[in-house]
Amino acid sequence: MLTQPFIALAAAAILALMTSCAGPQPIAVEDRYVEPTAGPEVGEVFGSRQTMNLGDYTAYVYAVDEKRLIAPRENWSRPLRVFPGSRQIKVVMKRRGFVAFLNFAVLIEAGKEYEVRFEGKVSPLSGAGYCAVWICDRATGRMVSDLQMPESEGGKMPDGWVPPFLLSH
């Protein structure tokens, strides 16, 4: 026969397990990114999405100056307002099970629009592939960040591969 203290202890243990598996913890207020109000004195950064042979790739801003955005993936296409100046932009590149976190140093100018862009190739047979990710000025298409090439899903960058957009500059 189960005693009352045992039942209470078991209930407390079950409750503790259920609350620890409740999902992602909320972002602490001091760790959240707060957007400035709209106006000509801020820059804007957009994410991007492409449909490739094995699904959609989405690249979006995850954090600015180590301050995380709330619901960044859901808002990938909405312009993110950023104060001008030297900024650390953390980007997520995502497709199904593949996720890459990339850090970019970008000089944001007031009144300009920027976009996270990428090019890549994914094998429809093996799913292996690679991609190049960067941030550019939307008006000119010029890169304003370094170019990063995370390996994806067991793929590897081919020797001598240069993203086609670099060949045109």
N, C-alpha and C. Protein backbone atom coordinates (compact mmCIF):
# COMPACT_ATOMS: atom_id res chain seq x y z
N MET A 1 0.84 -1.17 0.00
CA MET A 1 0.00 0.00 0.00
C MET A 1 0.89 1.25 0.00
N LEU A 2 0.55 2.22 -0.83
CA LEU A 2 1.33 3.44 -0.94
C LEU A 2 0.96 4.41 0.17
N THR A 3 1.99 4.98 0.75
CA THR A 3 1.73 5.95 1.82
C THR A 3 1.55 7.34 1.23
N GLN A 4 0.92 8.20 2.02
CA GLN A 4 0.65 9.57 1.56
C GLN A 4 1.94 10.34 1.25
N PRO A 5 3.01 10.26 2.06
CA PRO A 5 4.26 10.97 1.71
C PRO A 5 4.86 10.48 0.40
N PHE A 6 4.77 9.16 0.13
CA PHE A 6 5.30 8.63 -1.11
C PHE A 6 4.54 9.18 -2.31
N ILE A 7 3.23 9.24 -2.22
CA ILE A 7 2.39 9.76 -3.31
C ILE A 7 2.72 11.23 -3.56
N ALA A 8 2.89 12.00 -2.49
CA ALA A 8 3.22 13.43 -2.63
C ALA A 8 4.58 13.59 -3.29
N LEU A 9 5.55 12.77 -2.89
CA LEU A 9 6.89 12.83 -3.48
C LEU A 9 6.84 12.44 -4.96
N ALA A 10 6.10 11.41 -5.31
CA ALA A 10 5.98 10.98 -6.70
C ALA A 10 5.30 12.07 -7.54
N ALA A 11 4.28 12.70 -7.01
CA ALA A 11 3.59 13.77 -7.72
C ALA A 11 4.52 14.95 -7.95
N ALA A 12 5.33 15.30 -6.94
CA ALA A 12 6.28 16.40 -7.09
C ALA A 12 7.34 16.07 -8.14
N ALA A 13 7.80 14.83 -8.18
CA ALA A 13 8.80 14.43 -9.17
C ALA A 13 8.22 14.49 -10.58
N ILE A 14 7.00 14.02 -10.75
CA ILE A 14 6.35 14.07 -12.06
C ILE A 14 6.15 15.51 -12.51
N LEU A 15 5.72 16.37 -11.60
CA LEU A 15 5.53 17.78 -11.92
C LEU A 15 6.85 18.43 -12.32
N ALA A 16 7.92 18.12 -11.62
CA ALA A 16 9.24 18.68 -11.95
C ALA A 16 9.69 18.22 -13.33
N LEU A 17 9.47 16.96 -13.67
CA LEU A 17 9.84 16.45 -14.99
C LEU A 17 9.02 17.12 -16.09
N MET A 18 7.74 17.29 -15.85
CA MET A 18 6.88 17.90 -16.86
C MET A 18 7.24 19.36 -17.11
N THR A 19 7.56 20.11 -16.09
CA THR A 19 7.89 21.52 -16.28
C THR A 19 9.27 21.70 -16.89
N SER A 20 10.18 20.77 -16.67
CA SER A 20 11.51 20.90 -17.27
C SER A 20 11.49 20.56 -18.75
N CYS A 21 10.47 19.85 -19.21
CA CYS A 21 10.36 19.48 -20.62
C CYS A 21 9.33 20.35 -21.33
N ALA A 22 8.98 21.46 -20.78
CA ALA A 22 7.91 22.29 -21.33
C ALA A 22 8.30 23.00 -22.60
N GLY A 23 9.56 22.96 -23.01
CA GLY A 23 9.98 23.63 -24.24
C GLY A 23 11.02 24.68 -23.94
N PRO A 24 11.31 25.51 -24.93
CA PRO A 24 12.34 26.51 -24.74
C PRO A 24 11.96 27.52 -23.67
N GLN A 25 12.96 27.91 -22.93
CA GLN A 25 12.74 28.91 -21.88
C GLN A 25 12.63 30.28 -22.52
N PRO A 26 11.82 31.16 -21.93
CA PRO A 26 11.70 32.51 -22.49
C PRO A 26 13.03 33.26 -22.39
N ILE A 27 13.21 34.22 -23.30
CA ILE A 27 14.43 35.02 -23.31
C ILE A 27 14.32 36.05 -22.19
N ALA A 28 15.34 36.13 -21.36
CA ALA A 28 15.35 37.11 -20.27
C ALA A 28 15.26 38.52 -20.86
N VAL A 29 14.58 39.41 -20.17
CA VAL A 29 14.36 40.77 -20.67
C VAL A 29 15.68 41.44 -21.04
N GLU A 30 16.70 41.29 -20.23
CA GLU A 30 17.99 41.95 -20.50
C GLU A 30 18.73 41.34 -21.68
N ASP A 31 18.30 40.15 -22.16
CA ASP A 31 18.94 39.50 -23.30
C ASP A 31 18.16 39.68 -24.60
N ARG A 32 17.03 40.40 -24.57
CA ARG A 32 16.20 40.60 -25.75
C ARG A 32 16.64 41.82 -26.54
N TYR A 33 16.56 41.69 -27.87
CA TYR A 33 16.84 42.83 -28.74
C TYR A 33 15.60 43.71 -28.79
N VAL A 34 15.81 45.01 -28.61
CA VAL A 34 14.72 45.99 -28.69
C VAL A 34 14.97 46.85 -29.92
N GLU A 35 14.04 46.77 -30.86
CA GLU A 35 14.18 47.54 -32.10
C GLU A 35 13.97 49.02 -31.86
N PRO A 36 14.77 49.86 -32.54
CA PRO A 36 14.48 51.30 -32.49
C PRO A 36 13.21 51.58 -33.30
N THR A 37 12.61 52.73 -33.09
CA THR A 37 11.42 53.09 -33.87
C THR A 37 11.83 53.35 -35.32
N ALA A 38 10.87 53.20 -36.21
CA ALA A 38 11.13 53.40 -37.64
C ALA A 38 11.47 54.85 -37.92
N GLY A 39 12.27 55.06 -38.94
CA GLY A 39 12.64 56.41 -39.34
C GLY A 39 13.90 56.40 -40.16
N PRO A 40 14.27 57.54 -40.72
CA PRO A 40 15.46 57.60 -41.58
C PRO A 40 16.77 57.45 -40.81
N GLU A 41 16.72 57.49 -39.49
CA GLU A 41 17.95 57.40 -38.70
C GLU A 41 18.34 55.96 -38.35
N VAL A 42 17.64 54.96 -38.89
CA VAL A 42 17.97 53.56 -38.65
C VAL A 42 18.20 52.84 -39.97
N GLY A 43 18.89 51.71 -39.90
CA GLY A 43 19.03 50.83 -41.05
C GLY A 43 18.07 49.66 -40.88
N GLU A 44 17.83 48.90 -41.94
CA GLU A 44 16.94 47.74 -41.87
C GLU A 44 17.63 46.53 -42.47
N VAL A 45 17.43 45.38 -41.81
CA VAL A 45 18.02 44.12 -42.27
C VAL A 45 16.90 43.13 -42.53
N PHE A 46 16.92 42.50 -43.70
CA PHE A 46 15.92 41.52 -44.10
C PHE A 46 16.56 40.14 -44.16
N GLY A 47 15.78 39.12 -43.88
CA GLY A 47 16.21 37.75 -44.11
C GLY A 47 15.89 37.38 -45.55
N SER A 48 16.10 36.12 -45.92
CA SER A 48 15.75 35.68 -47.26
C SER A 48 15.40 34.20 -47.25
N ARG A 49 14.72 33.78 -48.30
CA ARG A 49 14.31 32.37 -48.44
C ARG A 49 14.44 31.98 -49.90
N GLN A 50 14.89 30.76 -50.13
CA GLN A 50 14.96 30.21 -51.47
C GLN A 50 14.45 28.78 -51.44
N THR A 51 13.75 28.40 -52.48
CA THR A 51 13.31 27.02 -52.62
C THR A 51 14.32 26.32 -53.51
N MET A 52 14.89 25.26 -52.97
CA MET A 52 15.84 24.46 -53.75
C MET A 52 15.24 23.08 -53.92
N ASN A 53 15.97 22.18 -54.55
CA ASN A 53 15.41 20.89 -54.90
C ASN A 53 14.99 20.04 -53.70
N LEU A 54 15.47 20.32 -52.51
CA LEU A 54 15.07 19.53 -51.35
C LEU A 54 14.37 20.36 -50.28
N GLY A 55 13.75 21.44 -50.66
CA GLY A 55 13.01 22.23 -49.69
C GLY A 55 13.49 23.66 -49.59
N ASP A 56 12.88 24.38 -48.68
CA ASP A 56 13.20 25.80 -48.50
C ASP A 56 14.40 25.99 -47.60
N TYR A 57 15.28 26.89 -48.01
CA TYR A 57 16.34 27.39 -47.16
C TYR A 57 15.87 28.76 -46.67
N THR A 58 16.07 29.03 -45.40
CA THR A 58 15.73 30.34 -44.85
C THR A 58 16.93 30.85 -44.08
N ALA A 59 17.30 32.10 -44.30
CA ALA A 59 18.38 32.76 -43.56
C ALA A 59 17.77 33.99 -42.92
N TYR A 60 17.99 34.13 -41.63
CA TYR A 60 17.37 35.24 -40.91
C TYR A 60 18.25 35.70 -39.76
N VAL A 61 18.00 36.92 -39.31
CA VAL A 61 18.77 37.48 -38.18
C VAL A 61 18.24 36.86 -36.90
N TYR A 62 19.15 36.35 -36.09
CA TYR A 62 18.83 35.70 -34.82
C TYR A 62 19.11 36.63 -33.64
N ALA A 63 20.17 37.45 -33.78
CA ALA A 63 20.56 38.35 -32.69
C ALA A 63 21.34 39.54 -33.25
N VAL A 64 21.27 40.64 -32.53
CA VAL A 64 22.03 41.85 -32.86
C VAL A 64 22.80 42.23 -31.60
N ASP A 65 24.10 42.36 -31.73
CA ASP A 65 24.96 42.70 -30.59
C ASP A 65 24.67 41.80 -29.39
N GLU A 66 24.53 40.50 -29.67
CA GLU A 66 24.29 39.45 -28.68
C GLU A 66 22.95 39.56 -27.96
N LYS A 67 22.04 40.35 -28.49
CA LYS A 67 20.68 40.45 -27.95
C LYS A 67 19.77 39.68 -28.91
N ARG A 68 19.07 38.66 -28.38
CA ARG A 68 18.26 37.78 -29.21
C ARG A 68 16.92 38.39 -29.60
N LEU A 69 16.48 38.05 -30.81
CA LEU A 69 15.16 38.47 -31.27
C LEU A 69 14.11 37.49 -30.78
N ILE A 70 12.90 37.98 -30.60
CA ILE A 70 11.78 37.11 -30.27
C ILE A 70 11.17 36.67 -31.60
N ALA A 71 10.97 35.38 -31.77
CA ALA A 71 10.39 34.79 -32.99
C ALA A 71 11.13 35.21 -34.26
N PRO A 72 12.45 35.02 -34.32
CA PRO A 72 13.18 35.47 -35.52
C PRO A 72 12.80 34.71 -36.78
N ARG A 73 12.57 33.41 -36.68
CA ARG A 73 12.27 32.62 -37.89
C ARG A 73 10.92 33.02 -38.48
N GLU A 74 9.94 33.25 -37.62
CA GLU A 74 8.61 33.62 -38.11
C GLU A 74 8.61 34.99 -38.78
N ASN A 75 9.55 35.84 -38.42
CA ASN A 75 9.62 37.21 -38.95
C ASN A 75 10.76 37.41 -39.93
N TRP A 76 11.20 36.33 -40.60
CA TRP A 76 12.38 36.42 -41.46
C TRP A 76 12.22 37.45 -42.57
N SER A 77 11.02 37.67 -43.07
CA SER A 77 10.84 38.57 -44.21
C SER A 77 10.52 40.01 -43.79
N ARG A 78 10.29 40.22 -42.53
CA ARG A 78 9.98 41.56 -42.03
C ARG A 78 11.28 42.33 -41.81
N PRO A 79 11.34 43.61 -42.20
CA PRO A 79 12.58 44.36 -41.96
C PRO A 79 12.84 44.53 -40.46
N LEU A 80 14.07 44.26 -40.09
CA LEU A 80 14.50 44.44 -38.70
C LEU A 80 15.24 45.77 -38.61
N ARG A 81 14.73 46.67 -37.79
CA ARG A 81 15.37 47.98 -37.63
C ARG A 81 16.57 47.86 -36.70
N VAL A 82 17.68 48.52 -37.13
CA VAL A 82 18.93 48.45 -36.39
C VAL A 82 19.55 49.85 -36.35
N PHE A 83 20.04 50.24 -35.16
CA PHE A 83 20.74 51.53 -35.06
C PHE A 83 22.01 51.50 -35.91
N PRO A 84 22.37 52.63 -36.50
CA PRO A 84 23.61 52.70 -37.28
C PRO A 84 24.83 52.45 -36.41
N GLY A 85 25.89 52.05 -37.08
CA GLY A 85 27.15 51.80 -36.40
C GLY A 85 27.63 50.39 -36.63
N SER A 86 28.74 50.05 -36.00
CA SER A 86 29.31 48.72 -36.11
C SER A 86 28.48 47.75 -35.27
N ARG A 87 27.94 46.73 -35.91
CA ARG A 87 27.05 45.78 -35.24
C ARG A 87 27.51 44.34 -35.45
N GLN A 88 27.26 43.52 -34.47
CA GLN A 88 27.48 42.09 -34.58
C GLN A 88 26.11 41.47 -34.88
N ILE A 89 25.99 40.87 -36.04
CA ILE A 89 24.72 40.28 -36.48
C ILE A 89 24.90 38.76 -36.49
N LYS A 90 24.09 38.07 -35.70
CA LYS A 90 24.10 36.60 -35.72
C LYS A 90 22.96 36.15 -36.63
N VAL A 91 23.31 35.31 -37.60
CA VAL A 91 22.37 34.83 -38.61
C VAL A 91 22.19 33.33 -38.45
N VAL A 92 20.99 32.87 -38.72
CA VAL A 92 20.72 31.44 -38.78
C VAL A 92 20.40 31.08 -40.22
N MET A 93 21.05 30.03 -40.70
CA MET A 93 20.76 29.44 -42.01
C MET A 93 20.11 28.10 -41.69
N LYS A 94 18.87 27.89 -42.19
CA LYS A 94 18.12 26.70 -41.80
C LYS A 94 17.45 26.04 -43.00
N ARG A 95 17.53 24.73 -43.01
CA ARG A 95 16.76 23.90 -43.94
C ARG A 95 16.54 22.54 -43.30
N ARG A 96 15.30 22.21 -43.09
CA ARG A 96 14.93 20.97 -42.42
C ARG A 96 15.84 20.73 -41.21
N GLY A 97 16.62 19.67 -41.19
CA GLY A 97 17.45 19.37 -40.03
C GLY A 97 18.75 20.14 -39.95
N PHE A 98 19.13 20.83 -41.02
CA PHE A 98 20.39 21.57 -41.03
C PHE A 98 20.21 22.96 -40.46
N VAL A 99 21.05 23.31 -39.50
CA VAL A 99 21.03 24.66 -38.93
C VAL A 99 22.47 25.11 -38.75
N ALA A 100 22.78 26.32 -39.22
CA ALA A 100 24.10 26.91 -39.02
C ALA A 100 23.91 28.29 -38.39
N PHE A 101 24.68 28.58 -37.35
CA PHE A 101 24.70 29.90 -36.73
C PHE A 101 25.98 30.59 -37.19
N LEU A 102 25.83 31.80 -37.75
CA LEU A 102 26.97 32.52 -38.32
C LEU A 102 27.02 33.92 -37.74
N ASN A 103 28.21 34.39 -37.41
CA ASN A 103 28.38 35.73 -36.85
C ASN A 103 29.04 36.65 -37.88
N PHE A 104 28.41 37.80 -38.09
CA PHE A 104 28.91 38.78 -39.05
C PHE A 104 29.13 40.12 -38.36
N ALA A 105 30.23 40.79 -38.70
CA ALA A 105 30.47 42.17 -38.28
C ALA A 105 30.04 43.06 -39.44
N VAL A 106 29.09 43.97 -39.19
CA VAL A 106 28.53 44.79 -40.26
C VAL A 106 28.46 46.24 -39.80
N LEU A 107 28.83 47.14 -40.69
CA LEU A 107 28.68 48.57 -40.42
C LEU A 107 27.33 48.99 -41.01
N ILE A 108 26.37 49.26 -40.14
CA ILE A 108 25.02 49.65 -40.56
C ILE A 108 24.98 51.16 -40.74
N GLU A 109 24.43 51.61 -41.87
CA GLU A 109 24.28 53.04 -42.13
C GLU A 109 22.81 53.41 -42.08
N ALA A 110 22.53 54.60 -41.56
CA ALA A 110 21.15 55.09 -41.46
C ALA A 110 20.53 55.19 -42.84
N GLY A 111 19.26 54.79 -42.94
CA GLY A 111 18.52 54.92 -44.18
C GLY A 111 18.79 53.83 -45.21
N LYS A 112 19.66 52.87 -44.91
CA LYS A 112 19.98 51.81 -45.87
C LYS A 112 19.27 50.51 -45.49
N GLU A 113 19.07 49.70 -46.53
CA GLU A 113 18.49 48.38 -46.33
C GLU A 113 19.54 47.32 -46.63
N TYR A 114 19.56 46.28 -45.81
CA TYR A 114 20.52 45.19 -45.95
C TYR A 114 19.74 43.88 -46.02
N GLU A 115 20.39 42.85 -46.58
CA GLU A 115 19.72 41.56 -46.69
C GLU A 115 20.72 40.44 -46.47
N VAL A 116 20.28 39.42 -45.74
CA VAL A 116 21.07 38.20 -45.60
C VAL A 116 20.83 37.40 -46.89
N ARG A 117 21.90 37.08 -47.59
CA ARG A 117 21.77 36.32 -48.84
C ARG A 117 22.61 35.05 -48.78
N PHE A 118 22.30 34.16 -49.67
CA PHE A 118 23.07 32.90 -49.73
C PHE A 118 22.91 32.28 -51.10
N GLU A 119 23.87 31.46 -51.43
CA GLU A 119 23.82 30.61 -52.62
C GLU A 119 24.28 29.25 -52.18
N GLY A 120 23.80 28.24 -52.84
CA GLY A 120 24.22 26.91 -52.46
C GLY A 120 23.80 25.86 -53.45
N LYS A 121 24.17 24.65 -53.13
CA LYS A 121 23.83 23.52 -53.96
C LYS A 121 23.58 22.34 -53.04
N VAL A 122 22.49 21.64 -53.30
CA VAL A 122 22.16 20.45 -52.52
C VAL A 122 21.90 19.32 -53.49
N SER A 123 22.49 18.18 -53.24
CA SER A 123 22.29 17.01 -54.10
C SER A 123 20.91 16.41 -53.84
N PRO A 124 20.10 16.23 -54.90
CA PRO A 124 18.79 15.62 -54.69
C PRO A 124 18.90 14.14 -54.32
N LEU A 125 20.04 13.53 -54.60
CA LEU A 125 20.21 12.11 -54.28
C LEU A 125 20.69 11.88 -52.86
N SER A 126 21.74 12.59 -52.46
CA SER A 126 22.34 12.34 -51.15
C SER A 126 21.90 13.34 -50.09
N GLY A 127 21.42 14.52 -50.52
CA GLY A 127 21.07 15.56 -49.55
C GLY A 127 22.28 16.36 -49.10
N ALA A 128 23.49 15.95 -49.51
CA ALA A 128 24.70 16.68 -49.13
C ALA A 128 24.77 17.97 -49.94
N GLY A 129 25.38 18.97 -49.37
CA GLY A 129 25.50 20.22 -50.10
C GLY A 129 26.34 21.23 -49.35
N TYR A 130 26.32 22.43 -49.85
CA TYR A 130 27.08 23.51 -49.24
C TYR A 130 26.39 24.81 -49.56
N CYS A 131 26.77 25.85 -48.85
CA CYS A 131 26.18 27.16 -49.14
C CYS A 131 27.17 28.25 -48.75
N ALA A 132 26.97 29.41 -49.36
CA ALA A 132 27.74 30.61 -49.03
C ALA A 132 26.74 31.62 -48.49
N VAL A 133 27.07 32.26 -47.38
CA VAL A 133 26.16 33.20 -46.73
C VAL A 133 26.88 34.52 -46.52
N TRP A 134 26.17 35.64 -46.74
CA TRP A 134 26.75 36.96 -46.55
C TRP A 134 25.62 37.96 -46.32
N ILE A 135 25.97 39.19 -45.98
CA ILE A 135 25.01 40.28 -45.84
C ILE A 135 25.39 41.33 -46.87
N CYS A 136 24.38 41.85 -47.58
CA CYS A 136 24.67 42.83 -48.63
C CYS A 136 23.77 44.05 -48.50
N ASP A 137 24.18 45.11 -49.16
CA ASP A 137 23.38 46.32 -49.31
C ASP A 137 22.31 45.98 -50.35
N ARG A 138 21.05 46.13 -50.02
CA ARG A 138 19.97 45.75 -50.95
C ARG A 138 19.96 46.59 -52.22
N ALA A 139 20.31 47.86 -52.12
CA ALA A 139 20.25 48.75 -53.29
C ALA A 139 21.33 48.43 -54.31
N THR A 140 22.53 48.11 -53.83
CA THR A 140 23.66 47.90 -54.75
C THR A 140 24.00 46.43 -54.95
N GLY A 141 23.58 45.57 -54.02
CA GLY A 141 23.95 44.16 -54.07
C GLY A 141 25.36 43.88 -53.57
N ARG A 142 26.08 44.93 -53.16
CA ARG A 142 27.46 44.76 -52.68
C ARG A 142 27.49 44.16 -51.28
N MET A 143 28.47 43.27 -51.09
CA MET A 143 28.65 42.66 -49.77
C MET A 143 29.10 43.70 -48.76
N VAL A 144 28.53 43.65 -47.57
CA VAL A 144 28.96 44.53 -46.48
C VAL A 144 29.51 43.70 -45.32
N SER A 145 29.58 42.40 -45.51
CA SER A 145 30.12 41.50 -44.49
C SER A 145 31.11 40.57 -45.16
N ASP A 146 31.73 39.72 -44.35
CA ASP A 146 32.55 38.68 -44.93
C ASP A 146 31.64 37.60 -45.51
N LEU A 147 32.22 36.69 -46.25
CA LEU A 147 31.51 35.57 -46.85
C LEU A 147 31.80 34.35 -45.99
N GLN A 148 30.76 33.66 -45.56
CA GLN A 148 30.96 32.46 -44.75
C GLN A 148 30.35 31.27 -45.47
N MET A 149 31.04 30.15 -45.40
CA MET A 149 30.61 28.95 -46.10
C MET A 149 30.53 27.78 -45.13
N PRO A 150 29.41 27.66 -44.43
CA PRO A 150 29.28 26.51 -43.53
C PRO A 150 29.07 25.24 -44.34
N GLU A 151 29.67 24.17 -43.89
CA GLU A 151 29.40 22.89 -44.55
C GLU A 151 28.02 22.45 -44.08
N SER A 152 27.27 21.86 -44.98
CA SER A 152 25.91 21.45 -44.60
C SER A 152 25.70 19.98 -44.86
N GLU A 153 25.11 19.33 -43.90
CA GLU A 153 24.61 17.97 -44.03
C GLU A 153 25.63 17.01 -44.64
N GLY A 154 26.86 17.09 -44.19
CA GLY A 154 27.87 16.16 -44.68
C GLY A 154 28.47 16.57 -46.00
N GLY A 155 28.03 17.68 -46.54
CA GLY A 155 28.59 18.15 -47.81
C GLY A 155 29.92 18.83 -47.58
N LYS A 156 30.63 19.10 -48.64
CA LYS A 156 31.92 19.76 -48.54
C LYS A 156 32.06 20.73 -49.70
N MET A 157 32.69 21.86 -49.44
CA MET A 157 32.91 22.83 -50.50
C MET A 157 33.86 22.21 -51.52
N PRO A 158 33.52 22.26 -52.81
CA PRO A 158 34.44 21.72 -53.81
C PRO A 158 35.67 22.62 -53.94
N ASP A 159 36.81 22.03 -54.20
CA ASP A 159 38.03 22.80 -54.36
C ASP A 159 37.88 23.81 -55.50
N GLY A 160 38.29 25.04 -55.23
CA GLY A 160 38.25 26.07 -56.26
C GLY A 160 36.88 26.68 -56.51
N TRP A 161 35.85 26.27 -55.75
CA TRP A 161 34.50 26.80 -55.98
C TRP A 161 34.44 28.25 -55.53
N VAL A 162 33.89 29.09 -56.39
CA VAL A 162 33.69 30.51 -56.08
C VAL A 162 32.23 30.82 -56.34
N PRO A 163 31.52 31.44 -55.37
CA PRO A 163 30.13 31.77 -55.63
C PRO A 163 30.00 32.65 -56.87
N PRO A 164 29.04 32.36 -57.74
CA PRO A 164 28.91 33.09 -59.01
C PRO A 164 28.79 34.61 -58.84
N PHE A 165 28.17 35.09 -57.77
CA PHE A 165 28.02 36.53 -57.62
C PHE A 165 29.36 37.22 -57.46
N LEU A 166 30.38 36.51 -56.95
CA LEU A 166 31.71 37.12 -56.79
C LEU A 166 32.40 37.30 -58.14
N LEU A 167 32.06 36.45 -59.08
CA LEU A 167 32.69 36.53 -60.39
C LEU A 167 32.24 37.78 -61.16
N SER A 168 31.08 38.34 -60.81
CA SER A 168 30.55 39.48 -61.53
C SER A 168 31.02 40.82 -60.95
N HIS A 169 31.79 40.81 -59.85
CA HIS A 169 32.25 42.06 -59.22
C HIS A 169 33.73 42.28 -59.45
